[in-house]
């Protein structure tokens, strides 16, 4: 199977073993209002470094999580968004210096992103149940790289689909070449042979919406 190589990979492939276990410090609880459903499944909001947070969940949840959805940084280089999407963020640079060493100073933007993602995906793989599935949002900046490292960690036979979803409904006026209207959702199962997706039936309303969108595309071209 083809594998992806990048500067710093040898330092991060087993880094998840070196991440220390942290004890979660409970700060507050949520109490539902009267006549509202209670928090019967122990939902948690964890504040902190996601690498350490994932490791802290292993003792209780390893191999038990049925469904995971993550929306990692797309590595667009945009620093003015809701969160810093630039791999030159000081926290990432500090972590790279500690884990990769001096070699990390010369990493490309994509090398840094891959170093950041790999140990986190390894921990997510450990958390996923044998009949579980993971969904990962991404765009064109790292989709190709993400697919290769997901194949490496999850196994190419456990790849389910690369879903394409339309994120915009009007052309981007300042686009350089093409107006990018879509993003991706990579889907992998822990063990594809033991996982089954339930089918669903499309309602008449949903069918009409799709038909109208197709007519708009045909009428306006690209």
Foldseek 3Di string as FASTA:
>chain_A
DDADDFQQPVLQLPCLVVQDADAADDDDDDADDPPDDGPPPPDDDGDDDLSNVLNNCCVPQFQNDAEAEDEAQQQPCDCPDPHGSHCVPPVLLVVCCVRRNPSSVPGDRLRSVCSVPNSSVLSVLRRHHQQHKYKYWYAPSCPVVVVRSCCVRQNVVFWDDWDKDFQDDDADPPDPPGGDGIIIITMGHSHNVNYDDDDDDDDPVNVVVVVVSVVVCVVPPD
